[in-house]
Protein backbone atom coordinates (compact mmCIF):
# COMPACT_ATOMS: atom_id res chain seq x y z
CA LEU A 1 -7.30 -10.29 17.58
CA PRO A 2 -6.18 -13.81 16.72
CA VAL A 3 -5.40 -14.68 13.13
CA PHE A 4 -8.56 -16.05 11.54
CA TYR A 5 -8.33 -19.68 10.49
CA ALA A 6 -11.11 -20.93 8.25
CA ASN A 7 -12.40 -23.96 6.46
CA ILE A 8 -12.50 -23.58 2.69
CA VAL A 9 -16.15 -24.64 2.51
CA LEU A 10 -17.00 -21.39 4.30
CA LEU A 11 -15.28 -19.16 1.78
CA ASN A 12 -16.43 -17.53 -1.41
CA VAL A 13 -13.76 -14.99 -2.24
CA CYS A 14 -12.88 -14.39 -5.89
CA ASN A 15 -14.32 -17.82 -6.80
CA LEU A 16 -11.92 -19.26 -4.25
CA PRO A 17 -13.04 -22.93 -4.20
CA PHE A 18 -12.43 -23.20 -7.95
CA ARG A 19 -9.04 -21.48 -7.65
CA LEU A 20 -8.08 -23.73 -4.75
CA GLN A 21 -8.87 -26.89 -6.70
CA LYS A 22 -6.85 -25.67 -9.66
CA LEU A 23 -4.01 -24.56 -7.37
CA LYS A 24 -4.05 -27.93 -5.60
CA GLU A 25 -3.78 -29.82 -8.90
CA MET A 26 -0.86 -27.66 -10.04
CA PHE A 27 0.82 -28.08 -6.64
CA ILE A 28 0.63 -31.88 -6.85
CA SER A 29 1.96 -31.77 -10.39
CA LYS A 30 4.84 -29.52 -9.29
CA PHE A 31 5.83 -31.04 -5.94
CA GLY A 32 4.39 -34.57 -6.06
CA SER A 33 2.13 -34.29 -3.01
CA PRO A 34 -0.85 -32.14 -1.94
CA PRO A 35 -0.52 -28.90 0.05
CA LYS A 36 -1.16 -29.04 3.77
CA PHE A 37 -2.69 -25.57 4.04
CA TYR A 38 -3.38 -22.36 2.13
CA ALA A 39 -2.94 -18.69 2.96
CA ARG A 40 -4.60 -15.66 1.42
CA ALA A 41 -3.84 -11.93 1.68
CA PRO A 42 -5.89 -9.31 -0.18
CA GLY A 43 -4.80 -6.26 -2.11
CA ARG A 44 -6.26 -2.91 -1.17
CA VAL A 45 -7.51 0.34 -2.60
CA ASN A 46 -6.84 3.53 -0.66
CA LEU A 47 -9.93 5.72 -0.83
CA ILE A 48 -8.13 8.78 0.50
CA GLY A 49 -4.92 9.53 2.39
CA GLU A 50 -2.03 9.19 -0.06
CA HIS A 51 1.62 9.31 1.00
CA ILE A 52 0.81 10.19 4.60
CA ASP A 53 1.08 6.86 6.44
CA TYR A 54 4.88 7.12 6.60
CA CYS A 55 4.42 10.63 8.00
CA GLY A 56 2.40 9.19 10.91
CA TYR A 57 -1.08 10.12 9.71
CA ALA A 58 -4.26 8.07 9.44
CA VAL A 59 -5.33 6.65 6.08
CA LEU A 60 -8.63 5.26 4.80
CA PRO A 61 -8.29 2.10 2.66
CA MET A 62 -10.38 -1.00 2.12
CA ALA A 63 -9.38 -4.51 1.10
CA ILE A 64 -10.41 -5.69 -2.38
CA GLU A 65 -11.35 -9.13 -3.64
CA GLN A 66 -8.15 -9.51 -5.68
CA ASP A 67 -5.51 -11.31 -3.64
CA ILE A 68 -2.37 -13.38 -3.26
CA LEU A 69 -3.10 -17.07 -2.59
CA ILE A 70 -0.36 -19.52 -1.59
CA ALA A 71 -0.57 -23.31 -1.29
CA VAL A 72 1.96 -24.67 1.20
CA GLU A 73 3.56 -27.92 2.25
CA PRO A 74 6.06 -27.80 5.13
CA ALA A 75 9.20 -29.70 4.09
CA GLN A 76 11.63 -31.95 5.93
CA THR A 77 14.58 -30.06 4.46
CA GLN A 78 15.51 -26.49 5.38
CA VAL A 79 14.87 -25.27 1.85
CA VAL A 80 12.07 -23.04 0.64
CA GLN A 81 10.95 -23.75 -2.91
CA LEU A 82 8.79 -21.10 -4.59
CA ALA A 83 6.78 -21.49 -7.76
CA ASN A 84 4.15 -19.32 -9.42
CA THR A 85 1.09 -20.23 -11.47
CA ASN A 86 2.13 -17.41 -13.81
CA SER A 87 4.91 -18.87 -15.96
CA SER A 88 6.49 -15.45 -16.46
CA TYR A 89 7.62 -15.59 -12.81
CA LEU A 90 10.52 -18.05 -12.56
CA ASP A 91 10.87 -20.73 -9.88
CA PHE A 92 13.18 -19.95 -6.98
CA SER A 93 14.69 -21.91 -4.11
CA THR A 94 16.99 -21.05 -1.24
CA SER A 95 18.10 -22.25 2.18
CA VAL A 96 15.86 -20.85 4.94
CA ASN A 97 19.03 -20.29 6.97
CA ASN A 98 20.57 -18.01 4.38
CA ILE A 99 17.99 -15.47 3.25
CA GLN A 100 19.49 -12.94 0.83
CA ILE A 101 17.23 -10.14 -0.43
CA ASN A 102 18.51 -8.27 -3.47
CA LYS A 103 17.41 -4.61 -3.26
CA THR A 104 18.68 -3.84 -6.74
CA LYS A 105 16.37 -6.41 -8.37
CA PRO A 106 12.86 -6.33 -6.86
CA GLN A 107 11.85 -9.72 -8.28
CA TRP A 108 8.71 -11.46 -7.04
CA HIS A 109 10.45 -13.99 -4.82
CA ASN A 110 12.26 -11.24 -2.88
CA TYR A 111 8.92 -10.01 -1.51
CA PHE A 112 8.17 -13.52 -0.26
CA LEU A 113 11.61 -13.58 1.38
CA CYS A 114 10.81 -10.30 3.17
CA GLY A 115 7.83 -11.87 4.93
CA LEU A 116 9.78 -15.06 5.62
CA LYS A 117 12.73 -13.20 7.12
CA GLY A 118 10.53 -10.91 9.20
CA ILE A 119 8.88 -13.83 11.01
CA GLN A 120 12.17 -15.70 11.41
CA GLU A 121 13.86 -12.70 13.00
CA HIS A 122 10.90 -11.86 15.24
CA PHE A 123 10.94 -15.33 16.81
CA GLY A 124 14.70 -15.87 16.49
CA LEU A 125 14.14 -19.14 14.64
CA ASN A 126 17.44 -21.01 14.45
CA ASN A 127 16.08 -24.01 12.52
CA PRO A 128 13.08 -22.71 10.59
CA THR A 129 10.88 -25.09 8.65
CA GLY A 130 11.49 -25.47 4.93
CA MET A 131 8.50 -25.16 2.62
CA ASN A 132 7.19 -25.92 -0.84
CA CYS A 133 4.99 -23.03 -1.97
CA LEU A 134 2.90 -22.38 -5.05
CA LEU A 135 1.58 -18.85 -5.48
CA ASP A 136 -1.39 -17.56 -7.44
CA GLY A 137 -2.12 -13.84 -7.68
CA THR A 138 -5.08 -11.88 -9.04
CA ILE A 139 -3.84 -8.38 -8.13
CA PRO A 140 -2.48 -6.56 -11.20
CA PRO A 141 1.26 -6.01 -10.54
CA SER A 142 2.68 -2.47 -10.18
CA SER A 143 -0.85 -1.06 -10.27
CA GLY A 144 -1.04 0.73 -6.92
CA LEU A 145 -3.26 -2.01 -5.43
CA SER A 146 -0.56 -3.36 -3.13
CA SER A 147 0.33 -6.66 -4.81
CA SER A 148 3.84 -6.58 -3.33
CA SER A 149 2.68 -5.92 0.24
CA ALA A 150 -0.01 -8.59 -0.07
CA LEU A 151 2.75 -11.04 -1.04
CA VAL A 152 4.88 -9.98 1.94
CA CYS A 153 1.88 -10.41 4.26
CA CYS A 154 0.92 -13.77 2.79
CA ALA A 155 4.53 -14.99 3.12
CA GLY A 156 4.60 -13.87 6.75
CA LEU A 157 1.37 -15.73 7.44
CA VAL A 158 2.69 -18.85 5.67
CA THR A 159 5.93 -18.81 7.67
CA LEU A 160 4.05 -18.27 10.92
CA ARG A 161 1.78 -21.27 10.33
CA ALA A 162 4.50 -23.57 8.99
CA ASN A 163 6.60 -22.98 12.11
CA GLY A 164 3.69 -23.46 14.53
CA LYS A 165 3.74 -19.89 15.84
CA THR A 166 0.89 -17.47 16.55
CA LEU A 167 0.59 -13.69 16.54
CA SER A 168 -2.22 -11.17 16.61
CA LYS A 169 -3.23 -9.46 13.39
CA VAL A 170 -1.80 -6.18 14.67
CA GLU A 171 1.55 -7.81 15.47
CA LEU A 172 1.64 -9.44 12.05
CA ALA A 173 0.91 -6.13 10.33
CA GLU A 174 3.69 -4.37 12.23
CA ILE A 175 6.22 -7.13 11.51
CA CYS A 176 5.36 -7.25 7.80
CA THR A 177 5.59 -3.45 7.56
CA LYS A 178 9.13 -3.55 8.91
CA SER A 179 10.15 -6.59 6.90
CA GLU A 180 9.06 -5.11 3.55
CA ARG A 181 11.76 -2.48 4.08
CA TYR A 182 14.30 -5.24 3.39
CA ILE A 183 13.48 -4.66 -0.28
CA GLY A 184 14.41 -0.97 0.07
CA THR A 185 10.97 0.67 0.19
CA GLU A 186 10.39 3.01 3.15
CA GLY A 187 6.65 2.30 3.49
CA GLY A 188 4.49 3.48 6.36
CA GLY A 189 2.29 0.46 7.11
CA MET A 190 -1.06 1.14 5.47
CA ASP A 191 -0.85 -1.74 3.00
CA GLN A 192 0.09 -4.39 5.52
CA SER A 193 -2.38 -3.12 8.14
CA ILE A 194 -5.44 -3.24 5.89
CA SER A 195 -4.37 -6.62 4.49
CA PHE A 196 -4.61 -8.13 7.98
CA LEU A 197 -7.23 -5.94 9.68
CA ALA A 198 -9.80 -5.62 6.87
CA GLU A 199 -13.35 -6.81 7.43
CA GLU A 200 -15.97 -7.52 4.82
CA GLY A 201 -18.42 -4.68 4.23
CA THR A 202 -16.46 -1.82 5.76
CA ALA A 203 -13.53 0.43 4.93
CA LYS A 204 -11.10 1.19 7.76
CA LEU A 205 -9.53 4.28 9.24
CA ILE A 206 -6.01 3.01 9.96
CA GLU A 207 -4.11 4.95 12.63
CA PHE A 208 -0.52 4.43 13.73
CA SER A 209 1.53 4.54 16.95
CA PRO A 210 -0.24 2.52 18.23
CA LEU A 211 -1.70 0.71 15.25
CA ARG A 212 -5.50 0.57 15.34
CA ALA A 213 -8.35 0.26 12.85
CA THR A 214 -11.80 1.82 13.04
CA ASP A 215 -14.75 0.84 10.85
CA VAL A 216 -15.84 3.42 8.29
CA ARG A 217 -19.26 2.59 6.85
CA LEU A 218 -19.40 3.92 3.32
CA PRO A 219 -22.61 5.65 2.22
CA SER A 220 -25.15 3.78 0.14
CA GLY A 221 -25.99 4.87 -3.37
CA ALA A 222 -22.45 4.81 -4.74
CA THR A 223 -19.97 2.19 -5.89
CA PHE A 224 -16.19 2.48 -5.95
CA VAL A 225 -14.62 1.68 -9.31
CA ILE A 226 -10.94 0.93 -9.90
CA ALA A 227 -9.41 1.79 -13.26
CA ASN A 228 -5.86 0.83 -14.21
CA SER A 229 -3.94 3.45 -16.20
CA CYS A 230 -1.83 0.56 -17.59
CA VAL A 231 1.30 2.50 -16.64
CA GLU A 232 3.31 0.25 -14.33
CA MET A 233 5.22 1.68 -11.38
CA ASN A 234 7.26 -0.45 -8.98
CA LYS A 235 8.13 1.49 -5.80
CA ALA A 236 11.25 -0.56 -5.17
CA ALA A 237 12.51 -0.17 -8.74
CA THR A 238 12.57 3.64 -8.79
CA SER A 239 13.68 6.41 -6.44
CA HIS A 240 10.49 8.53 -6.66
CA TYR A 241 8.88 7.03 -3.57
CA ASN A 242 11.93 7.09 -1.31
CA ILE A 243 12.76 10.66 -2.33
CA ARG A 244 9.30 11.74 -1.15
CA VAL A 245 9.85 9.96 2.16
CA MET A 246 13.13 11.82 2.59
CA GLU A 247 11.62 15.18 1.61
CA CYS A 248 9.00 14.74 4.32
CA ARG A 249 11.71 13.84 6.83
CA LEU A 250 13.75 16.91 5.90
CA ALA A 251 10.65 19.13 6.13
CA THR A 252 10.10 17.67 9.60
CA LYS A 253 13.63 18.66 10.62
CA LEU A 254 13.37 22.22 9.34
CA LEU A 255 9.91 22.84 10.81
CA SER A 256 11.08 21.42 14.15
CA LYS A 257 14.23 23.56 14.19
CA SER A 258 12.25 26.72 13.40
CA LYS A 259 9.98 26.09 16.42
CA GLY A 260 12.77 25.32 18.87
CA LEU A 261 12.05 21.59 19.06
CA ASP A 262 14.70 18.87 19.33
CA TRP A 263 14.83 18.40 15.56
CA ARG A 264 17.37 15.57 15.67
CA LYS A 265 14.78 13.30 17.29
CA MET A 266 11.94 14.28 14.99
CA LEU A 267 11.29 11.93 12.07
CA ARG A 268 7.70 12.44 10.92
CA LEU A 269 5.55 15.45 10.13
CA HIS A 270 2.96 14.14 12.58
CA ASP A 271 5.55 14.43 15.36
CA VAL A 272 5.85 18.18 14.78
CA GLN A 273 2.11 18.72 15.09
CA THR A 274 1.96 16.56 18.23
CA LYS A 275 4.84 18.36 19.93
CA LEU A 276 3.43 21.79 19.10
CA GLY A 277 -0.11 20.78 20.10
CA VAL A 278 -1.73 22.58 17.17
CA SER A 279 -4.33 21.69 14.54
CA LEU A 280 -3.66 20.55 11.00
CA GLU A 281 -4.90 23.92 9.76
CA GLN A 282 -2.37 25.66 12.02
CA MET A 283 0.38 23.38 10.70
CA LEU A 284 -0.47 24.52 7.16
CA THR A 285 -0.02 28.12 8.30
CA ILE A 286 3.34 27.23 9.87
CA VAL A 287 4.44 25.60 6.60
CA GLU A 288 3.62 28.85 4.78
CA GLU A 289 5.62 30.85 7.33
CA VAL A 290 8.69 28.62 7.60
CA LEU A 291 9.26 26.88 4.27
CA HIS A 292 9.65 28.46 0.82
CA PRO A 293 8.22 26.99 -2.40
CA GLU A 294 11.60 26.97 -4.19
CA PRO A 295 13.54 23.68 -3.98
CA TYR A 296 16.08 23.42 -1.17
CA SER A 297 19.66 22.53 -2.01
CA THR A 298 21.61 20.27 0.33
CA GLU A 299 23.76 23.29 1.19
CA GLU A 300 20.73 25.34 2.25
CA ILE A 301 19.39 22.45 4.32
CA CYS A 302 22.73 22.19 6.10
CA LYS A 303 22.71 25.94 6.77
CA CYS A 304 19.16 25.83 8.17
CA LEU A 305 20.03 22.95 10.50
CA GLY A 306 23.52 24.18 11.35
CA ILE A 307 25.24 20.98 10.29
CA SER A 308 27.90 19.93 7.78
CA LEU A 309 27.20 18.19 4.49
CA GLU A 310 29.01 15.17 5.87
CA GLU A 311 26.63 15.03 8.84
CA LEU A 312 23.61 15.43 6.57
CA ASN A 313 24.75 12.49 4.44
CA SER A 314 25.72 10.24 7.32
CA GLN A 315 22.99 11.04 9.85
CA ILE A 316 19.88 11.97 7.86
CA LEU A 317 20.01 11.05 4.18
CA SER A 318 19.77 7.36 3.34
CA GLN A 319 22.47 5.78 1.20
CA ASN A 320 20.41 5.95 -1.99
CA MET A 321 19.74 9.68 -1.49
CA GLN A 322 23.38 10.78 -1.57
CA ASP A 323 23.21 11.86 -5.22
CA VAL A 324 19.99 13.89 -4.89
CA SER A 325 20.91 17.59 -4.88
CA THR A 326 17.56 19.37 -4.36
CA PHE A 327 14.43 18.68 -2.32
CA LYS A 328 10.94 20.19 -2.41
CA LEU A 329 9.96 20.57 1.23
CA TYR A 330 7.17 23.18 1.16
CA GLN A 331 5.08 21.27 -1.40
CA ARG A 332 5.45 17.89 0.31
CA ALA A 333 4.57 19.20 3.79
CA LYS A 334 1.61 21.14 2.44
CA HIS A 335 0.24 18.01 0.77
CA VAL A 336 0.69 15.85 3.87
CA TYR A 337 -1.05 18.20 6.29
CA SER A 338 -3.93 18.97 3.92
CA GLU A 339 -4.37 15.31 2.97
CA ALA A 340 -4.39 14.28 6.64
CA ALA A 341 -7.22 16.77 7.20
CA ARG A 342 -9.15 15.37 4.22
CA VAL A 343 -8.97 11.86 5.66
CA LEU A 344 -10.51 12.97 8.95
CA GLU A 345 -13.19 14.95 7.11
CA PHE A 346 -13.97 11.89 4.94
CA GLN A 347 -14.44 9.76 8.06
CA LYS A 348 -16.63 12.44 9.68
CA ILE A 349 -18.91 12.67 6.64
CA CYS A 350 -19.29 8.88 6.53
CA ARG A 351 -20.15 8.84 10.24
CA GLU A 352 -22.64 11.73 10.17
CA ALA A 353 -24.13 10.80 6.77
CA PRO A 354 -25.60 14.18 5.75
CA ALA A 355 -27.99 14.30 2.79
CA ASN A 356 -25.23 15.52 0.47
CA ALA A 357 -22.61 13.03 1.75
CA LEU A 358 -21.72 11.70 -1.69
CA GLN A 359 -21.07 15.15 -3.10
CA LEU A 360 -18.94 16.11 -0.10
CA LEU A 361 -16.88 12.90 -0.32
CA GLY A 362 -16.46 13.35 -4.06
CA GLU A 363 -15.12 16.86 -3.58
CA LEU A 364 -12.54 15.57 -1.06
CA MET A 365 -11.40 12.94 -3.58
CA LYS A 366 -11.00 15.60 -6.28
CA GLN A 367 -9.00 17.83 -3.93
CA SER A 368 -6.81 14.88 -3.01
CA HIS A 369 -5.94 14.18 -6.64
CA ILE A 370 -5.12 17.84 -7.31
CA SER A 371 -2.79 17.87 -4.31
CA CYS A 372 -1.14 14.60 -5.38
CA ARG A 373 -0.65 16.03 -8.86
CA GLU A 374 0.53 19.53 -7.98
CA MET A 375 2.02 19.39 -4.48
CA TYR A 376 3.33 15.83 -4.27
CA GLU A 377 3.94 15.39 -8.01
CA CYS A 378 3.14 11.68 -7.90
CA SER A 379 0.65 11.57 -10.75
CA CYS A 380 1.36 11.12 -14.47
CA PRO A 381 -0.39 12.23 -17.71
CA GLU A 382 -2.24 8.92 -18.04
CA LEU A 383 -3.59 9.06 -14.49
CA ASP A 384 -4.70 12.68 -14.97
CA ARG A 385 -6.45 11.77 -18.21
CA LEU A 386 -8.15 8.79 -16.60
CA VAL A 387 -9.39 10.91 -13.69
CA ASP A 388 -10.77 13.49 -16.13
CA ILE A 389 -12.53 10.78 -18.16
CA CYS A 390 -14.06 9.24 -15.04
CA LEU A 391 -15.38 12.63 -13.87
CA GLN A 392 -16.63 13.40 -17.38
CA PHE A 393 -18.73 10.23 -17.46
CA GLY A 394 -20.41 10.59 -14.11
CA ALA A 395 -17.99 9.87 -11.25
CA ILE A 396 -18.81 12.02 -8.21
CA GLY A 397 -15.13 11.92 -7.23
CA SER A 398 -11.97 10.40 -8.71
CA ARG A 399 -8.31 10.29 -7.74
CA LEU A 400 -5.12 8.31 -8.13
CA THR A 401 -4.69 5.57 -5.56
CA GLY A 402 -1.49 3.96 -4.29
CA ALA A 403 1.96 5.44 -4.70
CA GLY A 404 1.14 6.99 -8.07
CA TRP A 405 3.42 7.62 -11.09
CA GLY A 406 1.21 5.02 -12.75
CA GLY A 407 -1.13 2.36 -11.45
CA CYS A 408 -4.81 2.95 -10.74
CA THR A 409 -7.47 5.51 -10.06
CA VAL A 410 -10.41 5.02 -7.73
CA SER A 411 -13.73 6.68 -8.53
CA MET A 412 -17.00 7.01 -6.64
CA VAL A 413 -19.87 6.40 -9.05
CA PRO A 414 -23.65 6.55 -8.47
CA THR A 415 -24.76 2.91 -8.42
CA ASP A 416 -27.63 3.55 -10.79
CA LYS A 417 -25.18 4.93 -13.37
CA LEU A 418 -22.53 2.22 -12.94
CA ASN A 419 -23.10 0.23 -16.13
CA THR A 420 -23.18 3.32 -18.34
CA PHE A 421 -20.08 4.64 -16.59
CA LEU A 422 -18.11 1.42 -17.17
CA LYS A 423 -19.14 1.31 -20.83
CA ASN A 424 -18.14 4.93 -21.49
CA VAL A 425 -14.80 4.75 -19.66
CA LYS A 426 -13.88 1.56 -21.53
CA LYS A 427 -14.62 3.25 -24.82
CA ALA A 428 -12.85 6.53 -23.98
CA TYR A 429 -9.68 5.20 -22.34
CA TYR A 430 -9.10 1.55 -23.20
CA GLN A 431 -10.60 1.06 -26.64
CA THR A 432 -8.67 4.01 -28.08
CA ASP A 433 -5.36 2.26 -27.41
CA GLY A 434 -4.42 -1.23 -28.64
CA GLN A 435 -2.13 -1.98 -25.71
CA ARG A 436 -4.77 -0.97 -23.16
CA LEU A 437 -7.47 -2.85 -25.07
CA ALA A 438 -5.50 -6.08 -24.62
CA VAL A 439 -5.84 -5.88 -20.82
CA GLU A 440 -9.19 -4.10 -20.70
CA ASN A 441 -11.10 -6.87 -18.91
CA ASN A 442 -8.77 -6.82 -15.90
CA SER A 443 -8.32 -3.05 -15.80
CA LEU A 444 -11.73 -1.61 -14.95
CA PHE A 445 -13.94 -3.05 -12.24
CA ALA A 446 -16.30 -2.16 -9.43
CA THR A 447 -15.23 -3.22 -5.95
CA LYS A 448 -16.52 -3.41 -2.39
CA PRO A 449 -14.82 -3.82 0.99
CA GLY A 450 -13.37 -7.32 1.31
CA ARG A 451 -12.06 -9.48 4.14
CA GLY A 452 -8.51 -9.58 5.46
CA ALA A 453 -5.76 -12.21 5.38
CA LEU A 454 -6.39 -15.73 6.62
CA VAL A 455 -5.07 -19.28 6.70
CA PHE A 456 -7.32 -22.26 5.93
CA VAL A 457 -7.26 -26.01 5.40
CA GLU A 458 -9.48 -28.36 3.43
CA ALA A 459 -12.55 -29.76 5.14
């Protein structure tokens, strides 16, 4: 699919014409001339399928209306100048020939540089175009709605257009997935894929290797509501996320070794299932047989694989994992295989649309949150409380969404009970806490499937 280029008079996303006019005025004030084009990339909410994309399994997200919007003017100099409409994000400039991404400080401009560098390296651009860029974002940061990946995607799209290059949406998604790893996060590709492949009115089943997206028509009669726990979690600023990635990789190695597979070549839990040719339910049985619930020490892992600690550190563990002494393999593998099965069941229910579809989908969402909380340990007390409140006030299903350890929940609410639900959740969660009350208006909102990333110019 070609990247979609549009005329702004055709768009009505998040009051986009008004935002564009305001962004244009600020751009002229900042850089002295109007932007030549604009790029937009949406955030996303994952309905089900948490922490399984990097294990090779399908996920089921949809794009949301909140987005990253960038006004751009290609420059004569080979300098990229970045500014933000939010004054708390400082201006930044650098030579496009000397991109340095600081993994120890995941500041906003580094995510832009990831997208920029990814496109440059893909095309081998020796003299890339400099740019003046002004960014405006409506995705709450560190909320589990993929603000950072949307910025990487938008930066990739901006760089592509400014340098006169073209790519398919699938190619862009794959490049931006790889380039976000420059910041140190070992993501699996869900965020970037839905940002480019999303279509208005439908969620997507996103599958990997090869990357493909299938429409999932959500049942009528219910609305999805996002609620921010107001606990911020930045994947690149903590080790929680990357430790889970490594635990899944180590579980892959041990399961492969136990079944006589070439474990050194196996990287993802999906690979084990594929090689063995068994079902997800059978993989859960194998996990029970092979792995124990007690944490594995690095010494035990070495013994199971028949390797030295030096080889473990140099060949398997990433540099930032060298100080981690224990890993929970049983719990992580059990979550991944059961969550992968829930995603496929969710898609099946949406496709077949039985009379009790909403109840069945809600139950899958509840099971997903329990697994995230107990098996993957990526929830937090605030998220658990918010899920309980949402269920108490009428949600059919509710779960954390995104990486977890903070961020948002997503709940499925009967449409005829939506207003009462929003009122009660506001009162129970936000209005009992002064800090939450201050951001209440941007923290609880209904959403529907939105459109994917695009570039556009003024009519």
